[in-house]
PDB file of all heavy atoms in Angstrom:
ATOM      1  N   ALA A   1     148.662 254.870  95.243  1.00  0.00           N
ATOM      2  CA  ALA A   1     149.619 253.871  94.774  1.00  0.00           C
ATOM      3  C   ALA A   1     150.338 253.223  95.948  1.00  0.00           C
ATOM      4  O   ALA A   1     150.558 251.996  95.968  1.00  0.00           O
ATOM      5  CB  ALA A   1     150.618 254.512  93.816  1.00  0.00           C
ATOM      6  N   GLN A   2     150.708 254.014  96.961  1.00  0.00           N
ATOM      7  CA  GLN A   2     151.396 253.457  98.126  1.00  0.00           C
ATOM      8  C   GLN A   2     150.494 252.492  98.890  1.00  0.00           C
ATOM      9  O   GLN A   2     150.940 251.441  99.348  1.00  0.00           O
ATOM     10  CB  GLN A   2     151.862 254.581  99.043  1.00  0.00           C
ATOM     11  CG  GLN A   2     152.991 255.415  98.474  1.00  0.00           C
ATOM     12  CD  GLN A   2     153.481 256.451  99.482  1.00  0.00           C
ATOM     13  OE1 GLN A   2     153.849 256.134 100.604  1.00  0.00           O
ATOM     14  NE2 GLN A   2     153.464 257.706  99.081  1.00  0.00           N
ATOM     15  N   ILE A   3     149.223 252.861  99.031  1.00  0.00           N
ATOM     16  CA  ILE A   3     148.291 251.976  99.738  1.00  0.00           C
ATOM     17  C   ILE A   3     148.129 250.664  98.979  1.00  0.00           C
ATOM     18  O   ILE A   3     148.121 249.576  99.571  1.00  0.00           O
ATOM     19  CB  ILE A   3     146.932 252.672  99.931  1.00  0.00           C
ATOM     20  CG1 ILE A   3     147.074 253.855 100.891  1.00  0.00           C
ATOM     21  CG2 ILE A   3     145.893 251.687 100.470  1.00  0.00           C
ATOM     22  CD1 ILE A   3     145.833 254.738 100.978  1.00  0.00           C
ATOM     23  N   ALA A   4     148.005 250.741  97.664  1.00  0.00           N
ATOM     24  CA  ALA A   4     147.858 249.525  96.855  1.00  0.00           C
ATOM     25  C   ALA A   4     149.081 248.630  96.972  1.00  0.00           C
ATOM     26  O   ALA A   4     148.964 247.392  96.988  1.00  0.00           O
ATOM     27  CB  ALA A   4     147.606 249.901  95.402  1.00  0.00           C
ATOM     28  N   GLN A   5     150.267 249.234  97.057  1.00  0.00           N
ATOM     29  CA  GLN A   5     151.477 248.446  97.254  1.00  0.00           C
ATOM     30  C   GLN A   5     151.486 247.786  98.630  1.00  0.00           C
ATOM     31  O   GLN A   5     151.907 246.629  98.776  1.00  0.00           O
ATOM     32  CB  GLN A   5     152.714 249.336  97.116  1.00  0.00           C
ATOM     33  CG  GLN A   5     153.050 249.744  95.695  1.00  0.00           C
ATOM     34  CD  GLN A   5     154.313 250.591  95.646  1.00  0.00           C
ATOM     35  OE1 GLN A   5     154.553 251.420  96.529  1.00  0.00           O
ATOM     36  NE2 GLN A   5     155.114 250.401  94.619  1.00  0.00           N
ATOM     37  N   THR A   6     151.014 248.521  99.633  1.00  0.00           N
ATOM     38  CA  THR A   6     151.005 248.013 101.007  1.00  0.00           C
ATOM     39  C   THR A   6     149.999 246.889 101.188  1.00  0.00           C
ATOM     40  O   THR A   6     150.211 245.992 102.016  1.00  0.00           O
ATOM     41  CB  THR A   6     150.669 249.162 101.981  1.00  0.00           C
ATOM     42  OG1 THR A   6     151.650 250.190 101.840  1.00  0.00           O
ATOM     43  CG2 THR A   6     150.635 248.696 103.426  1.00  0.00           C
ATOM     44  N   ARG A   7     148.915 246.915 100.391  1.00  0.00           N
ATOM     45  CA  ARG A   7     147.834 245.942 100.551  1.00  0.00           C
ATOM     46  C   ARG A   7     147.593 245.207  99.237  1.00  0.00           C
ATOM     47  O   ARG A   7     146.553 245.360  98.600  1.00  0.00           O
ATOM     48  CB  ARG A   7     146.572 246.654 101.043  1.00  0.00           C
ATOM     49  CG  ARG A   7     146.750 247.269 102.429  1.00  0.00           C
ATOM     50  CD  ARG A   7     145.611 248.181 102.823  1.00  0.00           C
ATOM     51  NE  ARG A   7     144.306 247.557 102.718  1.00  0.00           N
ATOM     52  CZ  ARG A   7     143.163 248.123 103.093  1.00  0.00           C
ATOM     53  NH1 ARG A   7     143.191 249.346 103.644  1.00  0.00           N
ATOM     54  NH2 ARG A   7     142.019 247.517 102.957  1.00  0.00           N
ATOM     55  N   PRO A   8     148.520 244.371  98.813  1.00  0.00           N
ATOM     56  CA  PRO A   8     148.397 243.707  97.512  1.00  0.00           C
ATOM     57  C   PRO A   8     147.245 242.714  97.433  1.00  0.00           C
ATOM     58  O   PRO A   8     146.825 242.346  96.328  1.00  0.00           O
ATOM     59  CB  PRO A   8     149.749 243.006  97.334  1.00  0.00           C
ATOM     60  CG  PRO A   8     150.240 242.790  98.738  1.00  0.00           C
ATOM     61  CD  PRO A   8     149.768 243.987  99.502  1.00  0.00           C
ATOM     62  N   ALA A   9     146.716 242.269  98.568  1.00  0.00           N
ATOM     63  CA  ALA A   9     145.630 241.293  98.554  1.00  0.00           C
ATOM     64  C   ALA A   9     144.266 241.938  98.322  1.00  0.00           C
ATOM     65  O   ALA A   9     143.268 241.229  98.154  1.00  0.00           O
ATOM     66  CB  ALA A   9     145.608 240.512  99.864  1.00  0.00           C
ATOM     67  N   ASP A  10     144.203 243.282  98.302  1.00  0.00           N
ATOM     68  CA  ASP A  10     142.941 243.986  98.110  1.00  0.00           C
ATOM     69  C   ASP A  10     142.887 244.621  96.726  1.00  0.00           C
ATOM     70  O   ASP A  10     143.915 245.007  96.159  1.00  0.00           O
ATOM     71  CB  ASP A  10     142.777 245.089  99.160  1.00  0.00           C
ATOM     72  CG  ASP A  10     142.646 244.529 100.570  1.00  0.00           C
ATOM     73  OD1 ASP A  10     142.108 243.416 100.721  1.00  0.00           O
ATOM     74  OD2 ASP A  10     143.080 245.213 101.521  1.00  0.00           O
ATOM     75  N   ASN A  11     141.673 244.734  96.191  1.00  0.00           N
ATOM     76  CA  ASN A  11     141.432 245.454  94.938  1.00  0.00           C
ATOM     77  C   ASN A  11     140.957 246.863  95.256  1.00  0.00           C
ATOM     78  O   ASN A  11     140.078 247.041  96.108  1.00  0.00           O
ATOM     79  CB  ASN A  11     140.372 244.745  94.095  1.00  0.00           C
ATOM     80  CG  ASN A  11     140.872 243.436  93.506  1.00  0.00           C
ATOM     81  OD1 ASN A  11     142.075 243.228  93.362  1.00  0.00           O
ATOM     82  ND2 ASN A  11     139.942 242.549  93.163  1.00  0.00           N
ATOM     83  N   PHE A  12     141.500 247.857  94.536  1.00  0.00           N
ATOM     84  CA  PHE A  12     141.164 249.260  94.790  1.00  0.00           C
ATOM     85  C   PHE A  12     140.484 249.856  93.558  1.00  0.00           C
ATOM     86  O   PHE A  12     141.079 249.953  92.483  1.00  0.00           O
ATOM     87  CB  PHE A  12     142.420 250.058  95.160  1.00  0.00           C
ATOM     88  CG  PHE A  12     142.970 249.662  96.494  1.00  0.00           C
ATOM     89  CD1 PHE A  12     143.911 248.645  96.602  1.00  0.00           C
ATOM     90  CD2 PHE A  12     142.509 250.265  97.657  1.00  0.00           C
ATOM     91  CE1 PHE A  12     144.390 248.244  97.838  1.00  0.00           C
ATOM     92  CE2 PHE A  12     142.984 249.871  98.899  1.00  0.00           C
ATOM     93  CZ  PHE A  12     143.926 248.859  98.995  1.00  0.00           C
ATOM     94  N   LEU A  13     139.223 250.234  93.756  1.00  0.00           N
ATOM     95  CA  LEU A  13     138.411 250.848  92.708  1.00  0.00           C
ATOM     96  C   LEU A  13     138.411 252.352  92.965  1.00  0.00           C
ATOM     97  O   LEU A  13     137.834 252.820  93.946  1.00  0.00           O
ATOM     98  CB  LEU A  13     136.991 250.289  92.754  1.00  0.00           C
ATOM     99  CG  LEU A  13     136.027 250.762  91.679  1.00  0.00           C
ATOM    100  CD1 LEU A  13     136.468 250.273  90.304  1.00  0.00           C
ATOM    101  CD2 LEU A  13     134.615 250.271  91.985  1.00  0.00           C
ATOM    102  N   CYS A  14     139.059 253.113  92.091  1.00  0.00           N
ATOM    103  CA  CYS A  14     139.353 254.520  92.358  1.00  0.00           C
ATOM    104  C   CYS A  14     138.575 255.425  91.406  1.00  0.00           C
ATOM    105  O   CYS A  14     138.597 255.201  90.187  1.00  0.00           O
ATOM    106  CB  CYS A  14     140.849 254.770  92.203  1.00  0.00           C
ATOM    107  SG  CYS A  14     141.853 253.666  93.224  1.00  0.00           S
ATOM    108  N   CYS A  15     137.929 256.450  91.958  1.00  0.00           N
ATOM    109  CA  CYS A  15     137.134 257.385  91.166  1.00  0.00           C
ATOM    110  C   CYS A  15     137.713 258.784  91.301  1.00  0.00           C
ATOM    111  O   CYS A  15     137.931 259.273  92.408  1.00  0.00           O
ATOM    112  CB  CYS A  15     135.677 257.392  91.630  1.00  0.00           C
ATOM    113  SG  CYS A  15     134.797 255.842  91.357  1.00  0.00           S
ATOM    114  N   GLU A  16     137.921 259.434  90.163  1.00  0.00           N
ATOM    115  CA  GLU A  16     138.474 260.793  90.133  1.00  0.00           C
ATOM    116  C   GLU A  16     138.080 261.437  88.808  1.00  0.00           C
ATOM    117  O   GLU A  16     138.043 260.767  87.773  1.00  0.00           O
ATOM    118  CB  GLU A  16     139.998 260.733  90.263  1.00  0.00           C
ATOM    119  CG  GLU A  16     140.707 262.072  90.182  1.00  0.00           C
ATOM    120  CD  GLU A  16     140.262 263.034  91.277  1.00  0.00           C
ATOM    121  OE1 GLU A  16     140.656 262.853  92.438  1.00  0.00           O
ATOM    122  OE2 GLU A  16     139.504 263.968  90.938  1.00  0.00           O
ATOM    123  N   VAL A  17     137.770 262.738  88.841  1.00  0.00           N
ATOM    124  CA  VAL A  17     137.397 263.451  87.619  1.00  0.00           C
ATOM    125  C   VAL A  17     138.499 264.377  87.124  1.00  0.00           C
ATOM    126  O   VAL A  17     138.413 264.903  86.021  1.00  0.00           O
ATOM    127  CB  VAL A  17     136.095 264.267  87.822  1.00  0.00           C
ATOM    128  CG1 VAL A  17     134.927 263.340  88.110  1.00  0.00           C
ATOM    129  CG2 VAL A  17     136.260 265.293  88.940  1.00  0.00           C
ATOM    130  N   HIS A  18     139.536 264.585  87.929  1.00  0.00           N
ATOM    131  CA  HIS A  18     140.623 265.502  87.579  1.00  0.00           C
ATOM    132  C   HIS A  18     141.570 264.784  86.612  1.00  0.00           C
ATOM    133  O   HIS A  18     142.290 263.859  86.993  1.00  0.00           O
ATOM    134  CB  HIS A  18     141.351 265.902  88.859  1.00  0.00           C
ATOM    135  CG  HIS A  18     142.433 266.907  88.694  1.00  0.00           C
ATOM    136  ND1 HIS A  18     142.221 268.157  88.178  1.00  0.00           N
ATOM    137  CD2 HIS A  18     143.759 266.841  88.994  1.00  0.00           C
ATOM    138  CE1 HIS A  18     143.355 268.835  88.165  1.00  0.00           C
ATOM    139  NE2 HIS A  18     144.302 268.050  88.660  1.00  0.00           N
ATOM    140  N   GLU A  19     141.581 265.186  85.345  1.00  0.00           N
ATOM    141  CA  GLU A  19     142.303 264.432  84.320  1.00  0.00           C
ATOM    142  C   GLU A  19     143.800 264.326  84.576  1.00  0.00           C
ATOM    143  O   GLU A  19     144.384 263.251  84.387  1.00  0.00           O
ATOM    144  CB  GLU A  19     142.026 265.016  82.938  1.00  0.00           C
ATOM    145  CG  GLU A  19     140.609 264.756  82.455  1.00  0.00           C
ATOM    146  CD  GLU A  19     140.430 265.057  80.981  1.00  0.00           C
ATOM    147  OE1 GLU A  19     141.440 265.365  80.308  1.00  0.00           O
ATOM    148  OE2 GLU A  19     139.300 264.966  80.492  1.00  0.00           O
ATOM    149  N   PRO A  20     144.498 265.408  84.987  1.00  0.00           N
ATOM    150  CA  PRO A  20     145.914 265.238  85.289  1.00  0.00           C
ATOM    151  C   PRO A  20     146.157 264.229  86.411  1.00  0.00           C
ATOM    152  O   PRO A  20     147.130 263.475  86.368  1.00  0.00           O
ATOM    153  CB  PRO A  20     146.364 266.647  85.684  1.00  0.00           C
ATOM    154  CG  PRO A  20     145.410 267.561  84.988  1.00  0.00           C
ATOM    155  CD  PRO A  20     144.090 266.838  85.031  1.00  0.00           C
ATOM    156  N   GLY A  21     145.276 264.216  87.415  1.00  0.00           N
ATOM    157  CA  GLY A  21     145.422 263.250  88.499  1.00  0.00           C
ATOM    158  C   GLY A  21     145.246 261.830  88.018  1.00  0.00           C
ATOM    159  O   GLY A  21     145.989 260.926  88.416  1.00  0.00           O
ATOM    160  N   VAL A  22     144.248 261.609  87.155  1.00  0.00           N
ATOM    161  CA  VAL A  22     144.050 260.270  86.595  1.00  0.00           C
ATOM    162  C   VAL A  22     145.278 259.857  85.787  1.00  0.00           C
ATOM    163  O   VAL A  22     145.769 258.723  85.893  1.00  0.00           O
ATOM    164  CB  VAL A  22     142.781 260.232  85.730  1.00  0.00           C
ATOM    165  CG1 VAL A  22     142.660 258.895  84.997  1.00  0.00           C
ATOM    166  CG2 VAL A  22     141.545 260.474  86.588  1.00  0.00           C
ATOM    167  N   GLY A  23     145.798 260.785  84.985  1.00  0.00           N
ATOM    168  CA  GLY A  23     146.997 260.481  84.214  1.00  0.00           C
ATOM    169  C   GLY A  23     148.181 260.146  85.094  1.00  0.00           C
ATOM    170  O   GLY A  23     148.964 259.231  84.798  1.00  0.00           O
ATOM    171  N   ALA A  24     148.325 260.874  86.211  1.00  0.00           N
ATOM    172  CA  ALA A  24     149.439 260.619  87.124  1.00  0.00           C
ATOM    173  C   ALA A  24     149.332 259.233  87.754  1.00  0.00           C
ATOM    174  O   ALA A  24     150.332 258.514  87.881  1.00  0.00           O
ATOM    175  CB  ALA A  24     149.482 261.699  88.203  1.00  0.00           C
ATOM    176  N   LEU A  25     148.109 258.846  88.165  1.00  0.00           N
ATOM    177  CA  LEU A  25     147.955 257.524  88.763  1.00  0.00           C
ATOM    178  C   LEU A  25     148.139 256.430  87.716  1.00  0.00           C
ATOM    179  O   LEU A  25     148.716 255.376  88.010  1.00  0.00           O
ATOM    180  CB  LEU A  25     146.594 257.395  89.446  1.00  0.00           C
ATOM    181  CG  LEU A  25     146.350 256.057  90.168  1.00  0.00           C
ATOM    182  CD1 LEU A  25     147.451 255.751  91.178  1.00  0.00           C
ATOM    183  CD2 LEU A  25     144.977 256.055  90.849  1.00  0.00           C
ATOM    184  N   LEU A  26     147.658 256.660  86.502  1.00  0.00           N
ATOM    185  CA  LEU A  26     147.897 255.678  85.433  1.00  0.00           C
ATOM    186  C   LEU A  26     149.394 255.444  85.238  1.00  0.00           C
ATOM    187  O   LEU A  26     149.845 254.308  85.062  1.00  0.00           O
ATOM    188  CB  LEU A  26     147.278 256.163  84.127  1.00  0.00           C
ATOM    189  CG  LEU A  26     145.766 256.017  83.982  1.00  0.00           C
ATOM    190  CD1 LEU A  26     145.292 256.722  82.712  1.00  0.00           C
ATOM    191  CD2 LEU A  26     145.362 254.540  83.934  1.00  0.00           C
ATOM    192  N   LYS A  27     150.156 256.517  85.284  1.00  0.00           N
ATOM    193  CA  LYS A  27     151.608 256.405  85.118  1.00  0.00           C
ATOM    194  C   LYS A  27     152.207 255.563  86.231  1.00  0.00           C
ATOM    195  O   LYS A  27     153.053 254.682  85.991  1.00  0.00           O
ATOM    196  CB  LYS A  27     152.233 257.803  85.098  1.00  0.00           C
ATOM    197  CG  LYS A  27     153.708 257.868  84.748  1.00  0.00           C
ATOM    198  CD  LYS A  27     154.132 259.326  84.554  1.00  0.00           C
ATOM    199  CE  LYS A  27     155.580 259.439  84.091  1.00  0.00           C
ATOM    200  NZ  LYS A  27     156.536 259.064  85.139  1.00  0.00           N
ATOM    201  N   LEU A  28     151.780 255.801  87.477  1.00  0.00           N
ATOM    202  CA  LEU A  28     152.274 255.019  88.597  1.00  0.00           C
ATOM    203  C   LEU A  28     151.860 253.553  88.480  1.00  0.00           C
ATOM    204  O   LEU A  28     152.661 252.652  88.749  1.00  0.00           O
ATOM    205  CB  LEU A  28     151.746 255.605  89.913  1.00  0.00           C
ATOM    206  CG  LEU A  28     152.295 256.976  90.313  1.00  0.00           C
ATOM    207  CD1 LEU A  28     151.527 257.523  91.514  1.00  0.00           C
ATOM    208  CD2 LEU A  28     153.777 256.889  90.637  1.00  0.00           C
ATOM    209  N   CYS A  29     150.620 253.315  88.074  1.00  0.00           N
ATOM    210  CA  CYS A  29     150.145 251.933  87.917  1.00  0.00           C
ATOM    211  C   CYS A  29     150.991 251.186  86.898  1.00  0.00           C
ATOM    212  O   CYS A  29     151.398 250.037  87.129  1.00  0.00           O
ATOM    213  CB  CYS A  29     148.682 251.923  87.478  1.00  0.00           C
ATOM    214  SG  CYS A  29     147.501 252.396  88.750  1.00  0.00           S
ATOM    215  N   GLY A  30     151.249 251.838  85.765  1.00  0.00           N
ATOM    216  CA  GLY A  30     152.019 251.186  84.720  1.00  0.00           C
ATOM    217  C   GLY A  30     153.461 250.967  85.106  1.00  0.00           C
ATOM    218  O   GLY A  30     154.019 249.876  84.898  1.00  0.00           O
ATOM    219  N   GLU A  31     154.078 251.990  85.688  1.00  0.00           N
ATOM    220  CA  GLU A  31     155.495 251.892  86.029  1.00  0.00           C
ATOM    221  C   GLU A  31     155.756 250.930  87.185  1.00  0.00           C
ATOM    222  O   GLU A  31     156.788 250.261  87.229  1.00  0.00           O
ATOM    223  CB  GLU A  31     156.031 253.279  86.378  1.00  0.00           C
ATOM    224  CG  GLU A  31     156.099 254.232  85.183  1.00  0.00           C
ATOM    225  CD  GLU A  31     156.544 255.624  85.563  1.00  0.00           C
ATOM    226  OE1 GLU A  31     156.574 255.942  86.779  1.00  0.00           O
ATOM    227  OE2 GLU A  31     156.873 256.396  84.653  1.00  0.00           O
TER     228      GLU A  31
END
């Protein structure tokens, strides 16, 4: 999330299988 904030001109395609981690990043993306 911090990298995406630092580089708003880039698109970040993120892959993860750990469900709590995906949920945590979804929360950050939304908030």
